[in-house]
Amino acid sequence: MSINLDLDGAYLPSFNQTFSHLNYNFKKNFVLIGSAHNLREIRIKERQKVKEIFLSSLFKNNGNFLGLNKFNLLSNYSKKDVIALGGISKDNIKLINLTKSIGFAGISYFK
């Protein structure tokens, strides 16, 4: 769909574990990004050839909660750039400096 719409990239959510997109020819600066919650999903995203991985959930206390230590531990297992996701607010944003994240993403932060 991204190719047909002449987009500059695509997002592969953690539940997308297929490799069919590797059969397509993308334009030169096409960027694939993906999300992961654990080491297994990180490895899948690497094999899917994503450029960056959204790793979650950093602060949001849900079933995928990582916290700072586990977030950094998982970040060390990949050479891909990692972006923090999940529960980021004005109260905890400075804590992202303690991670190996190159940035952050979130909905609640921008509300």
PDB file of N, CA and C in Angstrom:
ATOM      1  N   MET A   1       0.818  -1.184   0.000  1.00  0.00           N
ATOM      2  CA  MET A   1       0.000   0.000   0.000  1.00  0.00           C
ATOM      3  C   MET A   1       0.873   1.263   0.000  1.00  0.00           C
ATOM      4  N   SER A   2       1.954   1.249   0.774  1.00  0.00           N
ATOM      5  CA  SER A   2       2.855   2.406   0.823  1.00  0.00           C
ATOM      6  C   SER A   2       3.475   2.688  -0.535  1.00  0.00           C
ATOM      7  N   ILE A   3       3.783   1.635  -1.268  1.00  0.00           N
ATOM      8  CA  ILE A   3       4.368   1.807  -2.608  1.00  0.00           C
ATOM      9  C   ILE A   3       3.339   2.415  -3.546  1.00  0.00           C
ATOM     10  N   ASN A   4       2.121   1.886  -3.512  1.00  0.00           N
ATOM     11  CA  ASN A   4       1.058   2.395  -4.385  1.00  0.00           C
ATOM     12  C   ASN A   4       0.734   3.855  -4.107  1.00  0.00           C
ATOM     13  N   LEU A   5       0.845   4.269  -2.847  1.00  0.00           N
ATOM     14  CA  LEU A   5       0.547   5.649  -2.480  1.00  0.00           C
ATOM     15  C   LEU A   5       1.769   6.556  -2.578  1.00  0.00           C
ATOM     16  N   ASP A   6       2.902   5.998  -3.003  1.00  0.00           N
ATOM     17  CA  ASP A   6       4.161   6.734  -3.148  1.00  0.00           C
ATOM     18  C   ASP A   6       4.570   7.414  -1.846  1.00  0.00           C
ATOM     19  N   LEU A   7       4.434   6.684  -0.740  1.00  0.00           N
ATOM     20  CA  LEU A   7       4.810   7.208   0.567  1.00  0.00           C
ATOM     21  C   LEU A   7       6.312   7.064   0.796  1.00  0.00           C
ATOM     22  N   ASP A   8       6.797   7.739   1.815  1.00  0.00           N
ATOM     23  CA  ASP A   8       8.231   7.730   2.121  1.00  0.00           C
ATOM     24  C   ASP A   8       8.618   6.651   3.118  1.00  0.00           C
ATOM     25  N   GLY A   9       7.640   5.915   3.628  1.00  0.00           N
ATOM     26  CA  GLY A   9       7.955   4.879   4.596  1.00  0.00           C
ATOM     27  C   GLY A   9       6.723   4.140   5.053  1.00  0.00           C
ATOM     28  N   ALA A  10       6.956   3.215   5.982  1.00  0.00           N
ATOM     29  CA  ALA A  10       5.861   2.414   6.527  1.00  0.00           C
ATOM     30  C   ALA A  10       6.202   2.001   7.951  1.00  0.00           C
ATOM     31  N   TYR A  11       5.157   1.760   8.723  1.00  0.00           N
ATOM     32  CA  TYR A  11       5.286   1.332  10.111  1.00  0.00           C
ATOM     33  C   TYR A  11       4.840  -0.121  10.219  1.00  0.00           C
ATOM     34  N   LEU A  12       5.666  -0.955  10.855  1.00  0.00           N
ATOM     35  CA  LEU A  12       5.332  -2.362  11.071  1.00  0.00           C
ATOM     36  C   LEU A  12       5.100  -2.580  12.569  1.00  0.00           C
ATOM     37  N   PRO A  13       3.839  -2.742  12.990  1.00  0.00           N
ATOM     38  CA  PRO A  13       3.564  -2.938  14.412  1.00  0.00           C
ATOM     39  C   PRO A  13       4.140  -4.256  14.922  1.00  0.00           C
ATOM     40  N   SER A  14       4.222  -4.383  16.220  1.00  0.00           N
ATOM     41  CA  SER A  14       4.843  -5.573  16.816  1.00  0.00           C
ATOM     42  C   SER A  14       4.152  -6.862  16.404  1.00  0.00           C
ATOM     43  N   PHE A  15       2.834  -6.811  16.191  1.00  0.00           N
ATOM     44  CA  PHE A  15       2.126  -8.037  15.816  1.00  0.00           C
ATOM     45  C   PHE A  15       2.355  -8.439  14.363  1.00  0.00           C
ATOM     46  N   ASN A  16       2.891  -7.537  13.540  1.00  0.00           N
ATOM     47  CA  ASN A  16       3.218  -7.864  12.152  1.00  0.00           C
ATOM     48  C   ASN A  16       4.566  -8.579  12.145  1.00  0.00           C
ATOM     49  N   GLN A  17       4.532  -9.864  11.882  1.00  0.00           N
ATOM     50  CA  GLN A  17       5.753 -10.655  11.904  1.00  0.00           C
ATOM     51  C   GLN A  17       6.042 -11.292  10.542  1.00  0.00           C
ATOM     52  N   THR A  18       5.473 -10.699   9.504  1.00  0.00           N
ATOM     53  CA  THR A  18       5.661 -11.223   8.152  1.00  0.00           C
ATOM     54  C   THR A  18       6.894 -10.602   7.500  1.00  0.00           C
ATOM     55  N   PHE A  19       7.335 -11.222   6.426  1.00  0.00           N
ATOM     56  CA  PHE A  19       8.503 -10.744   5.698  1.00  0.00           C
ATOM     57  C   PHE A  19       8.173 -10.490   4.231  1.00  0.00           C
ATOM     58  N   SER A  20       6.906 -10.497   3.882  1.00  0.00           N
ATOM     59  CA  SER A  20       6.500 -10.338   2.487  1.00  0.00           C
ATOM     60  C   SER A  20       6.908  -8.990   1.909  1.00  0.00           C
ATOM     61  N   HIS A  21       7.023  -7.974   2.756  1.00  0.00           N
ATOM     62  CA  HIS A  21       7.412  -6.644   2.257  1.00  0.00           C
ATOM     63  C   HIS A  21       8.830  -6.648   1.688  1.00  0.00           C
ATOM     64  N   LEU A  22       9.648  -7.614   2.056  1.00  0.00           N
ATOM     65  CA  LEU A  22      11.021  -7.676   1.557  1.00  0.00           C
ATOM     66  C   LEU A  22      11.084  -8.055   0.082  1.00  0.00           C
ATOM     67  N   ASN A  23       9.971  -8.502  -0.471  1.00  0.00           N
ATOM     68  CA  ASN A  23       9.908  -8.870  -1.887  1.00  0.00           C
ATOM     69  C   ASN A  23       9.706  -7.664  -2.801  1.00  0.00           C
ATOM     70  N   TYR A  24       9.456  -6.500  -2.227  1.00  0.00           N
ATOM     71  CA  TYR A  24       9.166  -5.314  -3.022  1.00  0.00           C
ATOM     72  C   TYR A  24      10.407  -4.436  -3.162  1.00  0.00           C
ATOM     73  N   ASN A  25      10.427  -3.678  -4.234  1.00  0.00           N
ATOM     74  CA  ASN A  25      11.481  -2.686  -4.427  1.00  0.00           C
ATOM     75  C   ASN A  25      10.962  -1.348  -3.936  1.00  0.00           C
ATOM     76  N   PHE A  26      11.650  -0.787  -2.957  1.00  0.00           N
ATOM     77  CA  PHE A  26      11.256   0.501  -2.413  1.00  0.00           C
ATOM     78  C   PHE A  26      12.087   1.598  -3.048  1.00  0.00           C
ATOM     79  N   LYS A  27      11.549   2.823  -3.028  1.00  0.00           N
ATOM     80  CA  LYS A  27      12.336   3.942  -3.540  1.00  0.00           C
ATOM     81  C   LYS A  27      13.519   4.193  -2.615  1.00  0.00           C
ATOM     82  N   LYS A  28      14.460   4.965  -3.079  1.00  0.00           N
ATOM     83  CA  LYS A  28      15.762   5.108  -2.434  1.00  0.00           C
ATOM     84  C   LYS A  28      15.684   5.475  -0.947  1.00  0.00           C
ATOM     85  N   ASN A  29      14.915   6.460  -0.580  1.00  0.00           N
ATOM     86  CA  ASN A  29      14.892   6.942   0.798  1.00  0.00           C
ATOM     87  C   ASN A  29      13.704   6.415   1.602  1.00  0.00           C
ATOM     88  N   PHE A  30      13.144   5.304   1.191  1.00  0.00           N
ATOM     89  CA  PHE A  30      12.013   4.700   1.890  1.00  0.00           C
ATOM     90  C   PHE A  30      12.485   4.191   3.254  1.00  0.00           C
ATOM     91  N   VAL A  31      11.726   4.491   4.316  1.00  0.00           N
ATOM     92  CA  VAL A  31      12.118   4.137   5.679  1.00  0.00           C
ATOM     93  C   VAL A  31      11.068   3.223   6.299  1.00  0.00           C
ATOM     94  N   LEU A  32      11.529   2.102   6.825  1.00  0.00           N
ATOM     95  CA  LEU A  32      10.666   1.200   7.584  1.00  0.00           C
ATOM     96  C   LEU A  32      10.962   1.382   9.066  1.00  0.00           C
ATOM     97  N   ILE A  33       9.905   1.553   9.856  1.00  0.00           N
ATOM     98  CA  ILE A  33      10.047   1.595  11.305  1.00  0.00           C
ATOM     99  C   ILE A  33       9.119   0.541  11.886  1.00  0.00           C
ATOM    100  N   GLY A  34       9.434   0.076  13.076  1.00  0.00           N
ATOM    101  CA  GLY A  34       8.604  -0.956  13.697  1.00  0.00           C
ATOM    102  C   GLY A  34       8.598  -0.818  15.202  1.00  0.00           C
ATOM    103  N   SER A  35       7.713  -1.560  15.834  1.00  0.00           N
ATOM    104  CA  SER A  35       7.653  -1.533  17.295  1.00  0.00           C
ATOM    105  C   SER A  35       7.875  -2.934  17.851  1.00  0.00           C
ATOM    106  N   ALA A  36       8.372  -2.954  19.088  1.00  0.00           N
ATOM    107  CA  ALA A  36       8.656  -4.218  19.764  1.00  0.00           C
ATOM    108  C   ALA A  36       8.477  -4.034  21.261  1.00  0.00           C
ATOM    109  N   HIS A  37       8.227  -5.163  21.930  1.00  0.00           N
ATOM    110  CA  HIS A  37       8.046  -5.146  23.380  1.00  0.00           C
ATOM    111  C   HIS A  37       9.007  -6.068  24.108  1.00  0.00           C
ATOM    112  N   ASN A  38       9.725  -6.885  23.358  1.00  0.00           N
ATOM    113  CA  ASN A  38      10.631  -7.857  23.984  1.00  0.00           C
ATOM    114  C   ASN A  38      11.732  -8.227  22.977  1.00  0.00           C
ATOM    115  N   LEU A  39      12.671  -9.052  23.436  1.00  0.00           N
ATOM    116  CA  LEU A  39      13.814  -9.410  22.598  1.00  0.00           C
ATOM    117  C   LEU A  39      13.389 -10.176  21.349  1.00  0.00           C
ATOM    118  N   ARG A  40      12.446 -11.073  21.473  1.00  0.00           N
ATOM    119  CA  ARG A  40      11.974 -11.842  20.315  1.00  0.00           C
ATOM    120  C   ARG A  40      11.440 -10.904  19.228  1.00  0.00           C
ATOM    121  N   GLU A  41      10.634  -9.931  19.628  1.00  0.00           N
ATOM    122  CA  GLU A  41      10.075  -8.989  18.651  1.00  0.00           C
ATOM    123  C   GLU A  41      11.152  -8.068  18.088  1.00  0.00           C
ATOM    124  N   ILE A  42      12.163  -7.728  18.885  1.00  0.00           N
ATOM    125  CA  ILE A  42      13.281  -6.929  18.377  1.00  0.00           C
ATOM    126  C   ILE A  42      13.989  -7.687  17.265  1.00  0.00           C
ATOM    127  N   ARG A  43      14.242  -8.962  17.486  1.00  0.00           N
ATOM    128  CA  ARG A  43      14.918  -9.775  16.466  1.00  0.00           C
ATOM    129  C   ARG A  43      14.085  -9.862  15.184  1.00  0.00           C
ATOM    130  N   ILE A  44      12.790  -9.970  15.315  1.00  0.00           N
ATOM    131  CA  ILE A  44      11.920 -10.011  14.136  1.00  0.00           C
ATOM    132  C   ILE A  44      12.010  -8.693  13.380  1.00  0.00           C
ATOM    133  N   LYS A  45      11.973  -7.572  14.105  1.00  0.00           N
ATOM    134  CA  LYS A  45      12.060  -6.259  13.447  1.00  0.00           C
ATOM    135  C   LYS A  45      13.406  -6.094  12.734  1.00  0.00           C
ATOM    136  N   GLU A  46      14.464  -6.622  13.321  1.00  0.00           N
ATOM    137  CA  GLU A  46      15.762  -6.566  12.651  1.00  0.00           C
ATOM    138  C   GLU A  46      15.732  -7.364  11.356  1.00  0.00           C
ATOM    139  N   ARG A  47      15.138  -8.542  11.392  1.00  0.00           N
ATOM    140  CA  ARG A  47      15.045  -9.360  10.176  1.00  0.00           C
ATOM    141  C   ARG A  47      14.100  -8.739   9.149  1.00  0.00           C
ATOM    142  N   GLN A  48      13.162  -7.926   9.624  1.00  0.00           N
ATOM    143  CA  GLN A  48      12.272  -7.208   8.715  1.00  0.00           C
ATOM    144  C   GLN A  48      12.946  -5.963   8.131  1.00  0.00           C
ATOM    145  N   LYS A  49      14.179  -5.715   8.552  1.00  0.00           N
ATOM    146  CA  LYS A  49      15.011  -4.622   8.044  1.00  0.00           C
ATOM    147  C   LYS A  49      14.441  -3.239   8.333  1.00  0.00           C
ATOM    148  N   VAL A  50      13.897  -3.059   9.551  1.00  0.00           N
ATOM    149  CA  VAL A  50      13.451  -1.727   9.944  1.00  0.00           C
ATOM    150  C   VAL A  50      14.671  -0.877  10.272  1.00  0.00           C
ATOM    151  N   LYS A  51      14.527   0.422  10.127  1.00  0.00           N
ATOM    152  CA  LYS A  51      15.631   1.337  10.426  1.00  0.00           C
ATOM    153  C   LYS A  51      15.642   1.684  11.911  1.00  0.00           C
ATOM    154  N   GLU A  52      14.450   1.879  12.489  1.00  0.00           N
ATOM    155  CA  GLU A  52      14.319   2.253  13.889  1.00  0.00           C
ATOM    156  C   GLU A  52      13.243   1.395  14.539  1.00  0.00           C
ATOM    157  N   ILE A  53      13.407   1.193  15.850  1.00  0.00           N
ATOM    158  CA  ILE A  53      12.450   0.379  16.600  1.00  0.00           C
ATOM    159  C   ILE A  53      11.863   1.205  17.728  1.00  0.00           C
ATOM    160  N   PHE A  54      10.533   1.307  17.760  1.00  0.00           N
ATOM    161  CA  PHE A  54       9.831   1.875  18.898  1.00  0.00           C
ATOM    162  C   PHE A  54       9.764   0.785  19.958  1.00  0.00           C
ATOM    163  N   LEU A  55      10.377   1.024  21.098  1.00  0.00           N
ATOM    164  CA  LEU A  55      10.402   0.032  22.170  1.00  0.00           C
ATOM    165  C   LEU A  55       9.472   0.503  23.274  1.00  0.00           C
ATOM    166  N   SER A  56       8.502  -0.347  23.619  1.00  0.00           N
ATOM    167  CA  SER A  56       7.518   0.064  24.615  1.00  0.00           C
ATOM    168  C   SER A  56       7.202  -1.082  25.560  1.00  0.00           C
ATOM    169  N   SER A  57       6.714  -0.793  26.631  1.00  0.00           N
ATOM    170  CA  SER A  57       6.288   0.495  27.141  1.00  0.00           C
ATOM    171  C   SER A  57       7.270   0.948  28.228  1.00  0.00           C
ATOM    172  N   LEU A  58       7.829   2.123  28.037  1.00  0.00           N
ATOM    173  CA  LEU A  58       8.848   2.611  28.960  1.00  0.00           C
ATOM    174  C   LEU A  58       8.262   2.936  30.329  1.00  0.00           C
ATOM    175  N   PHE A  59       7.216   3.751  30.384  1.00  0.00           N
ATOM    176  CA  PHE A  59       6.665   4.179  31.660  1.00  0.00           C
ATOM    177  C   PHE A  59       5.242   3.691  31.923  1.00  0.00           C
ATOM    178  N   LYS A  60       4.463   3.445  30.884  1.00  0.00           N
ATOM    179  CA  LYS A  60       3.067   3.064  31.068  1.00  0.00           C
ATOM    180  C   LYS A  60       2.995   1.674  31.686  1.00  0.00           C
ATOM    181  N   ASN A  61       2.402   1.599  32.856  1.00  0.00           N
ATOM    182  CA  ASN A  61       2.343   0.342  33.596  1.00  0.00           C
ATOM    183  C   ASN A  61       1.213  -0.535  33.043  1.00  0.00           C
ATOM    184  N   ASN A  62       1.549  -1.305  32.022  1.00  0.00           N
ATOM    185  CA  ASN A  62       0.588  -2.219  31.399  1.00  0.00           C
ATOM    186  C   ASN A  62       1.260  -3.575  31.215  1.00  0.00           C
ATOM    187  N   GLY A  63       0.695  -4.419  30.420  1.00  0.00           N
ATOM    188  CA  GLY A  63       1.259  -5.750  30.191  1.00  0.00           C
ATOM    189  C   GLY A  63       2.626  -5.738  29.538  1.00  0.00           C
ATOM    190  N   ASN A  64       2.983  -4.616  28.903  1.00  0.00           N
ATOM    191  CA  ASN A  64       4.274  -4.505  28.216  1.00  0.00           C
ATOM    192  C   ASN A  64       5.246  -3.604  28.966  1.00  0.00           C
ATOM    193  N   PHE A  65       4.976  -3.293  30.220  1.00  0.00           N
ATOM    194  CA  PHE A  65       5.794  -2.357  30.989  1.00  0.00           C
ATOM    195  C   PHE A  65       7.233  -2.850  31.098  1.00  0.00           C
ATOM    196  N   LEU A  66       8.184  -1.965  30.759  1.00  0.00           N
ATOM    197  CA  LEU A  66       9.604  -2.297  30.824  1.00  0.00           C
ATOM    198  C   LEU A  66      10.322  -1.590  31.967  1.00  0.00           C
ATOM    199  N   GLY A  67      10.098  -0.316  32.129  1.00  0.00           N
ATOM    200  CA  GLY A  67      10.876   0.466  33.082  1.00  0.00           C
ATOM    201  C   GLY A  67      12.231   0.805  32.490  1.00  0.00           C
ATOM    202  N   LEU A  68      12.981   1.653  33.175  1.00  0.00           N
ATOM    203  CA  LEU A  68      14.268   2.133  32.644  1.00  0.00           C
ATOM    204  C   LEU A  68      15.302   1.026  32.473  1.00  0.00           C
ATOM    205  N   ASN A  69      15.450   0.177  33.477  1.00  0.00           N
ATOM    206  CA  ASN A  69      16.504  -0.843  33.416  1.00  0.00           C
ATOM    207  C   ASN A  69      16.274  -1.856  32.308  1.00  0.00           C
ATOM    208  N   LYS A  70      15.075  -2.408  32.230  1.00  0.00           N
ATOM    209  CA  LYS A  70      14.795  -3.411  31.194  1.00  0.00           C
ATOM    210  C   LYS A  70      14.819  -2.770  29.801  1.00  0.00           C
ATOM    211  N   PHE A  71      14.356  -1.518  29.720  1.00  0.00           N
ATOM    212  CA  PHE A  71      14.395  -0.794  28.451  1.00  0.00           C
ATOM    213  C   PHE A  71      15.843  -0.706  27.954  1.00  0.00           C
ATOM    214  N   ASN A  72      16.753  -0.284  28.837  1.00  0.00           N
ATOM    215  CA  ASN A  72      18.164  -0.172  28.447  1.00  0.00           C
ATOM    216  C   ASN A  72      18.772  -1.527  28.130  1.00  0.00           C
ATOM    217  N   LEU A  73      18.413  -2.534  28.895  1.00  0.00           N
ATOM    218  CA  LEU A  73      18.923  -3.875  28.639  1.00  0.00           C
ATOM    219  C   LEU A  73      18.515  -4.355  27.249  1.00  0.00           C
ATOM    220  N   LEU A  74      17.232  -4.202  26.913  1.00  0.00           N
ATOM    221  CA  LEU A  74      16.760  -4.611  25.589  1.00  0.00           C
ATOM    222  C   LEU A  74      17.394  -3.756  24.490  1.00  0.00           C
ATOM    223  N   SER A  75      17.590  -2.481  24.754  1.00  0.00           N
ATOM    224  CA  SER A  75      18.217  -1.591  23.761  1.00  0.00           C
ATOM    225  C   SER A  75      19.620  -2.055  23.412  1.00  0.00           C
ATOM    226  N   ASN A  76      20.313  -2.601  24.390  1.00  0.00           N
ATOM    227  CA  ASN A  76      21.685  -3.073  24.161  1.00  0.00           C
ATOM    228  C   ASN A  76      21.743  -4.267  23.213  1.00  0.00           C
ATOM    229  N   TYR A  77      20.656  -4.996  23.068  1.00  0.00           N
ATOM    230  CA  TYR A  77      20.643  -6.186  22.227  1.00  0.00           C
ATOM    231  C   TYR A  77      20.483  -5.879  20.744  1.00  0.00           C
ATOM    232  N   SER A  78      20.301  -4.623  20.404  1.00  0.00           N
ATOM    233  CA  SER A  78      20.107  -4.271  19.000  1.00  0.00           C
ATOM    234  C   SER A  78      21.033  -3.134  18.598  1.00  0.00           C
ATOM    235  N   LYS A  79      21.489  -3.179  17.361  1.00  0.00           N
ATOM    236  CA  LYS A  79      22.278  -2.084  16.816  1.00  0.00           C
ATOM    237  C   LYS A  79      21.384  -1.049  16.143  1.00  0.00           C
ATOM    238  N   LYS A  80      20.102  -1.340  16.066  1.00  0.00           N
ATOM    239  CA  LYS A  80      19.147  -0.396  15.488  1.00  0.00           C
ATOM    240  C   LYS A  80      18.905   0.752  16.459  1.00  0.00           C
ATOM    241  N   ASP A  81      18.550   1.922  15.918  1.00  0.00           N
ATOM    242  CA  ASP A  81      18.161   3.040  16.766  1.00  0.00           C
ATOM    243  C   ASP A  81      16.854   2.698  17.467  1.00  0.00           C
ATOM    244  N   VAL A  82      16.768   3.057  18.745  1.00  0.00           N
ATOM    245  CA  VAL A  82      15.589   2.757  19.551  1.00  0.00           C
ATOM    246  C   VAL A  82      14.925   4.062  19.972  1.00  0.00           C
ATOM    247  N   ILE A  83      13.589   4.069  19.908  1.00  0.00           N
ATOM    248  CA  ILE A  83      12.792   5.229  20.294  1.00  0.00           C
ATOM    249  C   ILE A  83      11.869   4.816  21.432  1.00  0.00           C
ATOM    250  N   ALA A  84      11.855   5.612  22.501  1.00  0.00           N
ATOM    251  CA  ALA A  84      11.029   5.315  23.672  1.00  0.00           C
ATOM    252  C   ALA A  84       9.562   5.581  23.366  1.00  0.00           C
ATOM    253  N   LEU A  85       8.707   4.716  23.889  1.00  0.00           N
ATOM    254  CA  LEU A  85       7.274   4.823  23.665  1.00  0.00           C
ATOM    255  C   LEU A  85       6.547   4.303  24.896  1.00  0.00           C
ATOM    256  N   GLY A  86       5.478   4.980  25.269  1.00  0.00           N
ATOM    257  CA  GLY A  86       4.620   4.463  26.320  1.00  0.00           C
ATOM    258  C   GLY A  86       4.671   5.191  27.646  1.00  0.00           C
ATOM    259  N   GLY A  87       3.617   5.955  27.941  1.00  0.00           N
ATOM    260  CA  GLY A  87       3.486   6.608  29.233  1.00  0.00           C
ATOM    261  C   GLY A  87       4.378   7.811  29.446  1.00  0.00           C
ATOM    262  N   ILE A  88       4.883   8.401  28.397  1.00  0.00           N
ATOM    263  CA  ILE A  88       5.782   9.547  28.531  1.00  0.00           C
ATOM    264  C   ILE A  88       4.953  10.800  28.810  1.00  0.00           C
ATOM    265  N   SER A  89       5.344  11.520  29.856  1.00  0.00           N
ATOM    266  CA  SER A  89       4.623  12.731  30.263  1.00  0.00           C
ATOM    267  C   SER A  89       5.631  13.825  30.578  1.00  0.00           C
ATOM    268  N   LYS A  90       5.113  15.007  30.861  1.00  0.00           N
ATOM    269  CA  LYS A  90       5.985  16.122  31.239  1.00  0.00           C
ATOM    270  C   LYS A  90       6.699  15.845  32.556  1.00  0.00           C
ATOM    271  N   ASP A  91       6.140  14.976  33.378  1.00  0.00           N
ATOM    272  CA  ASP A  91       6.745  14.646  34.671  1.00  0.00           C
ATOM    273  C   ASP A  91       7.939  13.698  34.551  1.00  0.00           C
ATOM    274  N   ASN A  92       7.941  12.838  33.528  1.00  0.00           N
ATOM    275  CA  ASN A  92       9.011  11.838  33.434  1.00  0.00           C
ATOM    276  C   ASN A  92       9.884  11.973  32.187  1.00  0.00           C
ATOM    277  N   ILE A  93       9.658  13.005  31.408  1.00  0.00           N
ATOM    278  CA  ILE A  93      10.380  13.121  30.136  1.00  0.00           C
ATOM    279  C   ILE A  93      11.902  13.233  30.322  1.00  0.00           C
ATOM    280  N   LYS A  94      12.339  13.858  31.392  1.00  0.00           N
ATOM    281  CA  LYS A  94      13.786  13.999  31.610  1.00  0.00           C
ATOM    282  C   LYS A  94      14.444  12.651  31.876  1.00  0.00           C
ATOM    283  N   LEU A  95      13.680  11.667  32.332  1.00  0.00           N
ATOM    284  CA  LEU A  95      14.231  10.338  32.588  1.00  0.00           C
ATOM    285  C   LEU A  95      14.652   9.639  31.296  1.00  0.00           C
ATOM    286  N   ILE A  96      14.134  10.092  30.165  1.00  0.00           N
ATOM    287  CA  ILE A  96      14.518   9.492  28.877  1.00  0.00           C
ATOM    288  C   ILE A  96      16.009   9.687  28.630  1.00  0.00           C
ATOM    289  N   ASN A  97      16.585  10.735  29.223  1.00  0.00           N
ATOM    290  CA  ASN A  97      18.032  10.956  29.098  1.00  0.00           C
ATOM    291  C   ASN A  97      18.839   9.828  29.727  1.00  0.00           C
ATOM    292  N   LEU A  98      18.215   9.027  30.571  1.00  0.00           N
ATOM    293  CA  LEU A  98      18.892   7.892  31.205  1.00  0.00           C
ATOM    294  C   LEU A  98      18.829   6.634  30.346  1.00  0.00           C
ATOM    295  N   THR A  99      18.190   6.734  29.190  1.00  0.00           N
ATOM    296  CA  THR A  99      18.055   5.580  28.304  1.00  0.00           C
ATOM    297  C   THR A  99      18.974   5.728  27.097  1.00  0.00           C
ATOM    298  N   LYS A 100      19.027   4.700  26.302  1.00  0.00           N
ATOM    299  CA  LYS A 100      19.801   4.710  25.068  1.00  0.00           C
ATOM    300  C   LYS A 100      18.923   5.102  23.873  1.00  0.00           C
ATOM    301  N   SER A 101      17.782   5.695  24.168  1.00  0.00           N
ATOM    302  CA  SER A 101      16.829   6.096  23.147  1.00  0.00           C
ATOM    303  C   SER A 101      17.332   7.315  22.380  1.00  0.00           C
ATOM    304  N   ILE A 102      17.045   7.350  21.071  1.00  0.00           N
ATOM    305  CA  ILE A 102      17.414   8.512  20.268  1.00  0.00           C
ATOM    306  C   ILE A 102      16.293   9.546  20.256  1.00  0.00           C
ATOM    307  N   GLY A 103      15.163   9.200  20.877  1.00  0.00           N
ATOM    308  CA  GLY A 103      14.025  10.104  20.912  1.00  0.00           C
ATOM    309  C   GLY A 103      12.852   9.430  21.597  1.00  0.00           C
ATOM    310  N   PHE A 104      11.690  10.059  21.508  1.00  0.00           N
ATOM    311  CA  PHE A 104      10.498   9.482  22.108  1.00  0.00           C
ATOM    312  C   PHE A 104       9.292   9.769  21.235  1.00  0.00           C
ATOM    313  N   ALA A 105       8.259   9.004  21.444  1.00  0.00           N
ATOM    314  CA  ALA A 105       6.988   9.199  20.767  1.00  0.00           C
ATOM    315  C   ALA A 105       5.879   8.948  21.765  1.00  0.00           C
ATOM    316  N   GLY A 106       4.766   9.584  21.560  1.00  0.00           N
ATOM    317  CA  GLY A 106       3.656   9.365  22.465  1.00  0.00           C
ATOM    318  C   GLY A 106       2.481  10.253  22.128  1.00  0.00           C
ATOM    319  N   ILE A 107       1.340   9.819  22.560  1.00  0.00           N
ATOM    320  CA  ILE A 107       0.127  10.589  22.343  1.00  0.00           C
ATOM    321  C   ILE A 107      -0.184  11.457  23.558  1.00  0.00           C
ATOM    322  N   SER A 108      -0.132  10.865  24.743  1.00  0.00           N
ATOM    323  CA  SER A 108      -0.516  11.588  25.953  1.00  0.00           C
ATOM    324  C   SER A 108       0.401  12.777  26.225  1.00  0.00           C
ATOM    325  N   TYR A 109       1.655  12.697  25.823  1.00  0.00           N
ATOM    326  CA  TYR A 109       2.582  13.810  26.046  1.00  0.00           C
ATOM    327  C   TYR A 109       2.127  15.057  25.301  1.00  0.00           C
ATOM    328  N   PHE A 110       1.570  14.902  24.133  1.00  0.00           N
ATOM    329  CA  PHE A 110       1.219  16.036  23.292  1.00  0.00           C
ATOM    330  C   PHE A 110      -0.211  16.510  23.482  1.00  0.00           C
ATOM    331  N   LYS A 111      -0.970  15.888  24.382  1.00  0.00           N
ATOM    332  CA  LYS A 111      -2.349  16.335  24.637  1.00  0.00           C
ATOM    333  C   LYS A 111      -2.378  17.580  25.462  1.00  0.00           C
TER     334      LYS A 111
END
